[in-house]
């Protein structure tokens, strides 16, 4: 499984790299704090997978990096490629902003 750090994601955002940010946390978590992209909670991810491009580079994030790992595993079963886990999730992102 491919991992990506907060600093690398920030660089991709600054460079306006073509990729999707996918937040698999619950809606209320996304409303509290997010870094953009699409919010698709883990519980509905597979039923809504057709809304996503299986070949597009996608960075998946959650609070700690656990749900995003599960999301990647599930999406890979449906042929998704180019998936990256944001290492440490939002906790790591917030720490890197200090």
N, C-alpha and C. Protein backbone atom coordinates (compact mmCIF):
# COMPACT_ATOMS: atom_id res chain seq x y z
N UNK A 1 0.84 -1.18 0.00
CA UNK A 1 0.00 0.00 0.00
C UNK A 1 0.89 1.25 0.00
N UNK A 2 0.54 2.17 -0.87
CA UNK A 2 1.34 3.40 -0.98
C UNK A 2 0.94 4.38 0.13
N UNK A 3 1.95 4.96 0.74
CA UNK A 3 1.76 5.94 1.80
C UNK A 3 2.24 7.30 1.29
N UNK A 4 1.63 8.35 1.82
CA UNK A 4 2.09 9.70 1.48
C UNK A 4 2.02 10.55 2.75
N UNK A 5 3.02 11.38 2.94
CA UNK A 5 3.08 12.22 4.15
C UNK A 5 2.30 13.51 3.95
N UNK A 6 2.01 14.15 5.06
CA UNK A 6 1.33 15.45 5.02
C UNK A 6 2.13 16.45 4.19
N UNK A 7 3.43 16.45 4.37
CA UNK A 7 4.27 17.40 3.63
C UNK A 7 4.21 17.15 2.13
N UNK A 8 4.17 15.88 1.73
CA UNK A 8 4.07 15.57 0.30
C UNK A 8 2.72 16.01 -0.26
N UNK A 9 1.65 15.80 0.49
CA UNK A 9 0.32 16.22 0.03
C UNK A 9 0.28 17.74 -0.10
N UNK A 10 0.85 18.45 0.87
CA UNK A 10 0.90 19.91 0.80
C UNK A 10 1.63 20.36 -0.46
N UNK A 11 2.72 19.68 -0.76
CA UNK A 11 3.48 20.00 -1.97
C UNK A 11 2.64 19.76 -3.22
N UNK A 12 1.94 18.63 -3.27
CA UNK A 12 1.06 18.34 -4.41
C UNK A 12 0.01 19.43 -4.57
N UNK A 13 -0.57 19.88 -3.45
CA UNK A 13 -1.59 20.93 -3.50
C UNK A 13 -0.99 22.23 -4.02
N UNK A 14 0.20 22.59 -3.53
CA UNK A 14 0.87 23.80 -3.98
C UNK A 14 1.20 23.74 -5.47
N UNK A 15 1.60 22.57 -5.93
CA UNK A 15 1.95 22.38 -7.35
C UNK A 15 0.71 22.18 -8.23
N UNK A 16 -0.45 22.13 -7.61
CA UNK A 16 -1.72 21.90 -8.29
C UNK A 16 -1.69 20.60 -9.11
N UNK A 17 -1.08 19.60 -8.52
CA UNK A 17 -1.04 18.27 -9.14
C UNK A 17 -2.47 17.75 -9.29
N UNK A 18 -2.72 17.01 -10.35
CA UNK A 18 -4.05 16.47 -10.61
C UNK A 18 -4.26 15.20 -9.79
N UNK A 19 -4.96 15.34 -8.68
CA UNK A 19 -5.27 14.19 -7.83
C UNK A 19 -6.54 14.51 -7.03
N UNK A 20 -7.12 13.49 -6.48
CA UNK A 20 -8.34 13.64 -5.68
C UNK A 20 -8.02 13.41 -4.21
N UNK A 21 -8.55 14.27 -3.36
CA UNK A 21 -8.51 14.05 -1.92
C UNK A 21 -9.84 13.43 -1.53
N UNK A 22 -9.79 12.32 -0.82
CA UNK A 22 -11.00 11.61 -0.41
C UNK A 22 -10.99 11.41 1.10
N UNK A 23 -11.91 12.08 1.77
CA UNK A 23 -12.04 12.01 3.22
C UNK A 23 -13.07 10.92 3.55
N UNK A 24 -12.64 9.86 4.24
CA UNK A 24 -13.56 8.77 4.57
C UNK A 24 -14.07 8.84 6.02
N UNK A 25 -13.92 10.01 6.64
CA UNK A 25 -14.47 10.21 7.98
C UNK A 25 -15.96 10.52 7.88
N UNK A 26 -16.62 10.54 9.01
CA UNK A 26 -18.04 10.90 9.06
C UNK A 26 -18.21 12.38 8.72
N UNK A 27 -19.41 12.74 8.29
CA UNK A 27 -19.69 14.12 7.90
C UNK A 27 -19.37 15.15 8.96
N UNK A 28 -19.71 14.83 10.21
CA UNK A 28 -19.45 15.79 11.29
C UNK A 28 -17.96 16.01 11.50
N UNK A 29 -17.16 14.97 11.28
CA UNK A 29 -15.70 15.12 11.40
C UNK A 29 -15.18 16.03 10.29
N UNK A 30 -15.71 15.82 9.09
CA UNK A 30 -15.31 16.63 7.95
C UNK A 30 -15.68 18.10 8.17
N UNK A 31 -16.86 18.33 8.75
CA UNK A 31 -17.30 19.70 9.01
C UNK A 31 -16.41 20.39 10.04
N UNK A 32 -15.93 19.64 11.03
CA UNK A 32 -15.06 20.20 12.07
C UNK A 32 -13.73 20.65 11.50
N UNK A 33 -13.14 19.82 10.63
CA UNK A 33 -11.82 20.13 10.08
C UNK A 33 -11.57 19.23 8.87
N UNK A 34 -11.18 19.85 7.76
CA UNK A 34 -10.84 19.04 6.58
C UNK A 34 -9.83 19.78 5.73
N UNK A 35 -9.25 19.07 4.80
CA UNK A 35 -8.25 19.67 3.91
C UNK A 35 -8.76 19.71 2.47
N UNK A 36 -10.06 19.55 2.33
CA UNK A 36 -10.66 19.64 1.00
C UNK A 36 -10.98 18.28 0.42
N UNK A 37 -11.37 18.30 -0.83
CA UNK A 37 -11.71 17.07 -1.52
C UNK A 37 -13.15 16.66 -1.29
N UNK A 38 -13.41 15.38 -1.45
CA UNK A 38 -14.74 14.81 -1.33
C UNK A 38 -14.86 14.08 0.00
N UNK A 39 -15.99 14.25 0.66
CA UNK A 39 -16.26 13.49 1.88
C UNK A 39 -17.19 12.33 1.53
N UNK A 40 -16.69 11.12 1.74
CA UNK A 40 -17.46 9.91 1.48
C UNK A 40 -17.15 8.94 2.61
N UNK A 41 -17.96 8.96 3.68
CA UNK A 41 -17.68 8.12 4.85
C UNK A 41 -17.47 6.65 4.49
N UNK A 42 -16.61 6.00 5.24
CA UNK A 42 -16.25 4.61 4.99
C UNK A 42 -17.47 3.71 4.85
N UNK A 43 -18.51 3.96 5.65
CA UNK A 43 -19.70 3.13 5.63
C UNK A 43 -20.47 3.14 4.32
N UNK A 44 -20.30 4.19 3.52
CA UNK A 44 -21.01 4.29 2.24
C UNK A 44 -20.07 4.24 1.04
N UNK A 45 -18.80 4.12 1.31
CA UNK A 45 -17.79 4.20 0.25
C UNK A 45 -18.04 3.21 -0.89
N UNK A 46 -18.22 1.96 -0.58
CA UNK A 46 -18.37 0.95 -1.63
C UNK A 46 -19.66 1.17 -2.42
N UNK A 47 -20.74 1.53 -1.75
CA UNK A 47 -22.00 1.75 -2.47
C UNK A 47 -21.94 3.00 -3.36
N UNK A 48 -21.00 3.91 -3.07
CA UNK A 48 -20.86 5.14 -3.88
C UNK A 48 -19.60 5.13 -4.75
N UNK A 49 -18.93 4.00 -4.84
CA UNK A 49 -17.65 3.94 -5.55
C UNK A 49 -17.75 4.36 -7.01
N UNK A 50 -18.92 4.22 -7.61
CA UNK A 50 -19.08 4.60 -9.02
C UNK A 50 -18.95 6.10 -9.24
N UNK A 51 -18.97 6.87 -8.17
CA UNK A 51 -18.77 8.32 -8.26
C UNK A 51 -17.28 8.67 -8.39
N UNK A 52 -16.43 7.69 -8.23
CA UNK A 52 -14.98 7.89 -8.25
C UNK A 52 -14.37 7.29 -9.51
N UNK A 53 -13.26 7.88 -9.95
CA UNK A 53 -12.52 7.36 -11.10
C UNK A 53 -11.50 6.35 -10.58
N UNK A 54 -11.63 5.07 -10.95
CA UNK A 54 -10.74 4.05 -10.41
C UNK A 54 -9.27 4.20 -10.83
N UNK A 55 -8.99 5.04 -11.82
CA UNK A 55 -7.61 5.21 -12.28
C UNK A 55 -6.98 6.52 -11.82
N UNK A 56 -7.78 7.42 -11.27
CA UNK A 56 -7.27 8.72 -10.84
C UNK A 56 -6.43 8.58 -9.58
N UNK A 57 -5.33 9.28 -9.54
CA UNK A 57 -4.51 9.32 -8.33
C UNK A 57 -5.37 9.89 -7.20
N UNK A 58 -5.49 9.13 -6.12
CA UNK A 58 -6.37 9.52 -5.02
C UNK A 58 -5.64 9.38 -3.69
N UNK A 59 -5.67 10.44 -2.90
CA UNK A 59 -5.14 10.42 -1.54
C UNK A 59 -6.34 10.29 -0.61
N UNK A 60 -6.34 9.21 0.16
CA UNK A 60 -7.45 8.94 1.07
C UNK A 60 -7.01 9.27 2.50
N UNK A 61 -7.88 9.99 3.21
CA UNK A 61 -7.52 10.36 4.57
C UNK A 61 -8.68 10.18 5.54
N UNK A 62 -8.31 10.03 6.81
CA UNK A 62 -9.27 9.93 7.91
C UNK A 62 -8.63 10.62 9.10
N UNK A 63 -9.02 10.27 10.31
CA UNK A 63 -8.48 10.95 11.48
C UNK A 63 -7.08 10.48 11.84
N UNK A 64 -6.85 9.16 11.84
CA UNK A 64 -5.57 8.62 12.28
C UNK A 64 -4.85 7.80 11.20
N UNK A 65 -5.53 7.50 10.10
CA UNK A 65 -4.92 6.69 9.05
C UNK A 65 -5.34 5.23 9.10
N UNK A 66 -6.34 4.91 9.91
CA UNK A 66 -6.80 3.52 10.02
C UNK A 66 -7.96 3.26 9.06
N UNK A 67 -8.98 4.11 9.11
CA UNK A 67 -10.11 3.94 8.19
C UNK A 67 -9.67 4.09 6.74
N UNK A 68 -8.70 4.95 6.50
CA UNK A 68 -8.23 5.14 5.13
C UNK A 68 -7.55 3.87 4.61
N UNK A 69 -6.85 3.14 5.46
CA UNK A 69 -6.24 1.86 5.06
C UNK A 69 -7.35 0.87 4.67
N UNK A 70 -8.40 0.80 5.48
CA UNK A 70 -9.52 -0.09 5.18
C UNK A 70 -10.16 0.33 3.85
N UNK A 71 -10.34 1.63 3.65
CA UNK A 71 -10.93 2.13 2.42
C UNK A 71 -10.11 1.73 1.20
N UNK A 72 -8.80 1.84 1.30
CA UNK A 72 -7.92 1.46 0.19
C UNK A 72 -8.05 -0.03 -0.10
N UNK A 73 -8.02 -0.82 0.95
CA UNK A 73 -8.15 -2.28 0.75
C UNK A 73 -9.46 -2.62 0.04
N UNK A 74 -10.54 -1.99 0.45
CA UNK A 74 -11.85 -2.26 -0.17
C UNK A 74 -11.89 -1.79 -1.62
N UNK A 75 -11.39 -0.60 -1.88
CA UNK A 75 -11.42 -0.07 -3.25
C UNK A 75 -10.54 -0.89 -4.19
N UNK A 76 -9.40 -1.36 -3.68
CA UNK A 76 -8.52 -2.19 -4.52
C UNK A 76 -9.22 -3.47 -4.97
N UNK A 77 -10.13 -3.98 -4.16
CA UNK A 77 -10.88 -5.17 -4.54
C UNK A 77 -11.76 -4.91 -5.77
N UNK A 78 -12.06 -3.64 -6.03
CA UNK A 78 -12.88 -3.25 -7.18
C UNK A 78 -12.04 -2.67 -8.31
N UNK A 79 -10.74 -2.91 -8.28
CA UNK A 79 -9.87 -2.51 -9.37
C UNK A 79 -9.33 -1.10 -9.32
N UNK A 80 -9.49 -0.43 -8.19
CA UNK A 80 -8.93 0.92 -8.08
C UNK A 80 -7.41 0.83 -7.96
N UNK A 81 -6.74 1.76 -8.64
CA UNK A 81 -5.28 1.83 -8.59
C UNK A 81 -4.88 3.26 -8.22
N UNK A 82 -3.62 3.49 -7.99
CA UNK A 82 -3.09 4.83 -7.67
C UNK A 82 -3.71 5.42 -6.40
N UNK A 83 -3.88 4.58 -5.40
CA UNK A 83 -4.42 5.03 -4.12
C UNK A 83 -3.29 5.24 -3.11
N UNK A 84 -3.36 6.35 -2.40
CA UNK A 84 -2.36 6.67 -1.38
C UNK A 84 -3.05 6.88 -0.04
N UNK A 85 -2.45 6.37 1.01
CA UNK A 85 -2.92 6.60 2.36
C UNK A 85 -2.16 7.78 2.95
N UNK A 86 -2.90 8.77 3.46
CA UNK A 86 -2.26 9.89 4.15
C UNK A 86 -1.80 9.38 5.51
N UNK A 87 -0.51 9.19 5.63
CA UNK A 87 0.08 8.63 6.84
C UNK A 87 -0.27 9.47 8.06
N UNK A 88 -0.89 8.82 9.04
CA UNK A 88 -1.24 9.51 10.29
C UNK A 88 -2.50 10.35 10.22
N UNK A 89 -3.13 10.44 9.05
CA UNK A 89 -4.40 11.15 8.90
C UNK A 89 -4.36 12.60 9.32
N UNK A 90 -5.52 13.07 9.76
CA UNK A 90 -5.65 14.47 10.16
C UNK A 90 -4.81 14.82 11.39
N UNK A 91 -4.58 13.83 12.24
CA UNK A 91 -3.73 14.10 13.40
C UNK A 91 -2.33 14.50 12.94
N UNK A 92 -1.78 13.76 11.99
CA UNK A 92 -0.45 14.08 11.48
C UNK A 92 -0.47 15.42 10.71
N UNK A 93 -1.54 15.64 9.96
CA UNK A 93 -1.66 16.89 9.18
C UNK A 93 -1.63 18.09 10.12
N UNK A 94 -2.43 18.04 11.19
CA UNK A 94 -2.50 19.16 12.13
C UNK A 94 -1.14 19.38 12.80
N UNK A 95 -0.46 18.28 13.13
CA UNK A 95 0.86 18.39 13.77
C UNK A 95 1.87 19.06 12.82
N UNK A 96 1.77 18.73 11.53
CA UNK A 96 2.71 19.30 10.57
C UNK A 96 2.44 20.78 10.32
N UNK A 97 1.28 21.27 10.75
CA UNK A 97 0.94 22.67 10.58
C UNK A 97 1.46 23.53 11.74
N UNK A 98 1.89 22.89 12.83
CA UNK A 98 2.37 23.63 14.01
C UNK A 98 3.69 24.29 13.75
